[in-house]
C-alpha cells in the first residue's frame, strides 16, 4: 500500500510541476527593432539605434522588467529561449510631459511553443 501511495505522490508532483509560466526555458523568441528620431543634436535624423536598452516583462501580472538587453549594431533585438505565454517589450523614449523626462513605449505579444514573434518597430525619440 505504501508503494502505491508513493507512486501516486510522485505522479501528482510531476504533473503539478509541469505547469510552466511565461519566462525563460522554452524554444520561442521575440524579435524587433528600435528606431530613433533624434531631434536634439549629435546624429540628427532618423535611424535604427544600436546599443539601446530594451526590456521584457514576463506575463501580465507585474510591471517590473524581468530581463534587459541592448540592441545590436543595426537596432534589432531578440529575446531567446522563451516559454509559451504573454510578454511585454518596452524601451524608453523622451517625454517632456513627464517629470523624469522619459516614458516607456510598450509592445505586447503572445507566443506559442517553438515560434518567433516579431513585435515590429519600437519608435523612440531623443
C-alpha atoms as a PDB file:
ATOM      1  CA  UNK A   1       0.000   0.000   0.000  1.00  0.00           C
ATOM      2  CA  UNK A   2       2.840   2.403   0.840  1.00  0.00           C
ATOM      3  CA  UNK A   3       4.335   1.669  -2.567  1.00  0.00           C
ATOM      4  CA  UNK A   4       1.143   2.801  -4.370  1.00  0.00           C
ATOM      5  CA  UNK A   5       0.855   5.918  -2.229  1.00  0.00           C
ATOM      6  CA  UNK A   6       4.453   6.841  -3.034  1.00  0.00           C
ATOM      7  CA  UNK A   7       3.868   6.341  -6.794  1.00  0.00           C
ATOM      8  CA  UNK A   8       0.695   8.448  -6.733  1.00  0.00           C
ATOM      9  CA  UNK A   9       2.541  11.232  -4.871  1.00  0.00           C
ATOM     10  CA  UNK A  10       5.375  11.231  -7.426  1.00  0.00           C
ATOM     11  CA  UNK A  11       2.935  11.365 -10.363  1.00  0.00           C
ATOM     12  CA  UNK A  12       0.946  14.190  -8.739  1.00  0.00           C
ATOM     13  CA  UNK A  13       4.069  16.252  -8.075  1.00  0.00           C
ATOM     14  CA  UNK A  14       5.296  15.661 -11.630  1.00  0.00           C
ATOM     15  CA  UNK A  15       2.017  16.798 -13.186  1.00  0.00           C
ATOM     16  CA  UNK A  16       1.817  19.862 -10.954  1.00  0.00           C
ATOM     17  CA  UNK A  17       5.392  20.935 -11.686  1.00  0.00           C
ATOM     18  CA  UNK A  18       4.836  20.696 -15.468  1.00  0.00           C
ATOM     19  CA  UNK A  19       2.636  23.808 -15.464  1.00  0.00           C
ATOM     20  CA  UNK A  20       5.058  26.485 -16.643  1.00  0.00           C
ATOM     21  CA  UNK A  21       4.547  30.225 -16.558  1.00  0.00           C
ATOM     22  CA  UNK A  22       5.950  32.744 -19.003  1.00  0.00           C
ATOM     23  CA  UNK A  23       9.667  33.240 -18.952  1.00  0.00           C
ATOM     24  CA  UNK A  24      12.911  31.546 -19.826  1.00  0.00           C
ATOM     25  CA  UNK A  25      13.248  27.878 -20.593  1.00  0.00           C
ATOM     26  CA  UNK A  26      11.350  27.441 -23.849  1.00  0.00           C
ATOM     27  CA  UNK A  27      12.119  27.365 -27.556  1.00  0.00           C
ATOM     28  CA  UNK A  28      10.368  30.559 -28.662  1.00  0.00           C
ATOM     29  CA  UNK A  29      11.766  34.034 -29.236  1.00  0.00           C
ATOM     30  CA  UNK A  30      10.653  37.646 -29.668  1.00  0.00           C
ATOM     31  CA  UNK A  31      12.356  39.978 -32.138  1.00  0.00           C
ATOM     32  CA  UNK A  32      12.004  43.602 -33.137  1.00  0.00           C
ATOM     33  CA  UNK A  33      13.776  46.853 -33.952  1.00  0.00           C
ATOM     34  CA  UNK A  34      14.267  50.146 -32.097  1.00  0.00           C
ATOM     35  CA  UNK A  35      14.025  53.197 -34.375  1.00  0.00           C
ATOM     36  CA  UNK A  36      15.260  56.605 -33.170  1.00  0.00           C
ATOM     37  CA  UNK A  37      14.038  60.046 -34.157  1.00  0.00           C
ATOM     38  CA  UNK A  38      16.911  62.268 -32.973  1.00  0.00           C
ATOM     39  CA  UNK A  39      15.936  65.931 -32.751  1.00  0.00           C
ATOM     40  CA  UNK A  40      18.365  67.077 -30.044  1.00  0.00           C
ATOM     41  CA  UNK A  41      21.691  67.128 -31.772  1.00  0.00           C
ATOM     42  CA  UNK A  42      24.511  64.721 -32.373  1.00  0.00           C
ATOM     43  CA  UNK A  43      23.432  62.424 -35.197  1.00  0.00           C
ATOM     44  CA  UNK A  44      20.240  64.258 -36.104  1.00  0.00           C
ATOM     45  CA  UNK A  45      17.686  62.402 -38.158  1.00  0.00           C
ATOM     46  CA  UNK A  46      16.063  59.000 -38.088  1.00  0.00           C
ATOM     47  CA  UNK A  47      17.887  55.712 -37.783  1.00  0.00           C
ATOM     48  CA  UNK A  48      17.730  52.257 -36.199  1.00  0.00           C
ATOM     49  CA  UNK A  49      19.559  52.809 -32.935  1.00  0.00           C
ATOM     50  CA  UNK A  50      22.397  50.489 -31.849  1.00  0.00           C
ATOM     51  CA  UNK A  51      23.292  49.700 -28.226  1.00  0.00           C
ATOM     52  CA  UNK A  52      19.933  50.861 -26.824  1.00  0.00           C
ATOM     53  CA  UNK A  53      18.314  49.356 -23.695  1.00  0.00           C
ATOM     54  CA  UNK A  54      15.282  47.160 -24.352  1.00  0.00           C
ATOM     55  CA  UNK A  55      13.264  45.419 -21.606  1.00  0.00           C
ATOM     56  CA  UNK A  56      10.927  42.421 -21.339  1.00  0.00           C
ATOM     57  CA  UNK A  57       8.179  41.655 -18.807  1.00  0.00           C
ATOM     58  CA  UNK A  58       7.071  38.020 -18.496  1.00  0.00           C
ATOM     59  CA  UNK A  59       3.276  37.755 -18.271  1.00  0.00           C
ATOM     60  CA  UNK A  60       0.655  40.374 -17.483  1.00  0.00           C
ATOM     61  CA  UNK A  61       0.778  40.315 -13.713  1.00  0.00           C
ATOM     62  CA  UNK A  62       3.624  42.701 -12.898  1.00  0.00           C
ATOM     63  CA  UNK A  63       5.132  45.961 -14.093  1.00  0.00           C
ATOM     64  CA  UNK A  64       8.763  45.269 -13.208  1.00  0.00           C
ATOM     65  CA  UNK A  65      11.004  44.108 -16.021  1.00  0.00           C
ATOM     66  CA  UNK A  66      12.339  40.562 -15.905  1.00  0.00           C
ATOM     67  CA  UNK A  67      15.234  40.927 -18.329  1.00  0.00           C
ATOM     68  CA  UNK A  68      17.105  43.646 -20.190  1.00  0.00           C
ATOM     69  CA  UNK A  69      19.350  43.642 -23.219  1.00  0.00           C
ATOM     70  CA  UNK A  70      20.862  46.108 -25.682  1.00  0.00           C
ATOM     71  CA  UNK A  71      20.070  46.332 -29.372  1.00  0.00           C
ATOM     72  CA  UNK A  72      22.526  45.068 -31.989  1.00  0.00           C
ATOM     73  CA  UNK A  73      24.540  47.327 -34.309  1.00  0.00           C
ATOM     74  CA  UNK A  74      21.514  47.597 -36.637  1.00  0.00           C
ATOM     75  CA  UNK A  75      18.931  48.373 -33.923  1.00  0.00           C
ATOM     76  CA  UNK A  76      17.484  44.849 -33.799  1.00  0.00           C
ATOM     77  CA  UNK A  77      16.972  42.711 -30.719  1.00  0.00           C
ATOM     78  CA  UNK A  78      15.978  39.133 -29.906  1.00  0.00           C
ATOM     79  CA  UNK A  79      14.869  37.643 -26.602  1.00  0.00           C
ATOM     80  CA  UNK A  80      15.505  33.883 -26.930  1.00  0.00           C
ATOM     81  CA  UNK A  81      14.519  30.694 -25.110  1.00  0.00           C
ATOM     82  CA  UNK A  82      11.066  31.866 -24.001  1.00  0.00           C
ATOM     83  CA  UNK A  83       8.123  29.708 -22.987  1.00  0.00           C
ATOM     84  CA  UNK A  84       4.613  29.970 -24.336  1.00  0.00           C
ATOM     85  CA  UNK A  85       2.689  32.946 -22.932  1.00  0.00           C
ATOM     86  CA  UNK A  86       2.184  36.714 -22.819  1.00  0.00           C
ATOM     87  CA  UNK A  87       5.040  39.210 -22.947  1.00  0.00           C
ATOM     88  CA  UNK A  88       5.509  42.973 -22.945  1.00  0.00           C
ATOM     89  CA  UNK A  89       8.564  44.560 -24.544  1.00  0.00           C
ATOM     90  CA  UNK A  90       9.465  48.195 -24.000  1.00  0.00           C
ATOM     91  CA  UNK A  91      12.063  50.906 -24.472  1.00  0.00           C
ATOM     92  CA  UNK A  92      12.180  54.412 -23.057  1.00  0.00           C
ATOM     93  CA  UNK A  93      11.562  57.495 -25.154  1.00  0.00           C
ATOM     94  CA  UNK A  94      11.990  61.195 -24.438  1.00  0.00           C
ATOM     95  CA  UNK A  95       8.827  62.710 -22.931  1.00  0.00           C
ATOM     96  CA  UNK A  96       8.893  66.325 -21.754  1.00  0.00           C
ATOM     97  CA  UNK A  97       5.491  65.938 -20.089  1.00  0.00           C
ATOM     98  CA  UNK A  98       6.938  63.500 -17.543  1.00  0.00           C
ATOM     99  CA  UNK A  99       8.945  64.668 -14.544  1.00  0.00           C
ATOM    100  CA  UNK A 100      11.630  62.082 -15.287  1.00  0.00           C
ATOM    101  CA  UNK A 101      11.859  63.245 -18.914  1.00  0.00           C
ATOM    102  CA  UNK A 102      11.187  59.736 -20.275  1.00  0.00           C
ATOM    103  CA  UNK A 103       8.287  57.304 -20.662  1.00  0.00           C
ATOM    104  CA  UNK A 104       8.082  53.684 -21.830  1.00  0.00           C
ATOM    105  CA  UNK A 105       6.862  52.617 -25.272  1.00  0.00           C
ATOM    106  CA  UNK A 106       5.222  49.184 -24.932  1.00  0.00           C
ATOM    107  CA  UNK A 107       4.640  46.378 -27.427  1.00  0.00           C
ATOM    108  CA  UNK A 108       2.689  43.297 -26.311  1.00  0.00           C
ATOM    109  CA  UNK A 109       2.686  39.838 -27.835  1.00  0.00           C
ATOM    110  CA  UNK A 110       1.597  36.258 -27.226  1.00  0.00           C
ATOM    111  CA  UNK A 111       3.800  33.379 -28.282  1.00  0.00           C
ATOM    112  CA  UNK A 112       3.133  29.682 -28.614  1.00  0.00           C
ATOM    113  CA  UNK A 113       5.577  26.851 -28.388  1.00  0.00           C
ATOM    114  CA  UNK A 114       8.587  26.914 -30.697  1.00  0.00           C
ATOM    115  CA  UNK A 115       7.774  30.113 -32.604  1.00  0.00           C
ATOM    116  CA  UNK A 116       9.276  33.520 -33.272  1.00  0.00           C
ATOM    117  CA  UNK A 117       7.101  36.566 -32.677  1.00  0.00           C
ATOM    118  CA  UNK A 118       8.067  39.930 -34.169  1.00  0.00           C
ATOM    119  CA  UNK A 119       6.803  42.997 -32.295  1.00  0.00           C
ATOM    120  CA  UNK A 120       7.838  45.247 -35.176  1.00  0.00           C
ATOM    121  CA  UNK A 121       9.414  48.641 -34.645  1.00  0.00           C
ATOM    122  CA  UNK A 122       9.504  50.489 -31.342  1.00  0.00           C
ATOM    123  CA  UNK A 123       9.676  54.212 -32.115  1.00  0.00           C
ATOM    124  CA  UNK A 124      11.686  56.306 -29.645  1.00  0.00           C
ATOM    125  CA  UNK A 125      12.705  59.950 -29.626  1.00  0.00           C
ATOM    126  CA  UNK A 126      15.792  61.686 -28.326  1.00  0.00           C
END
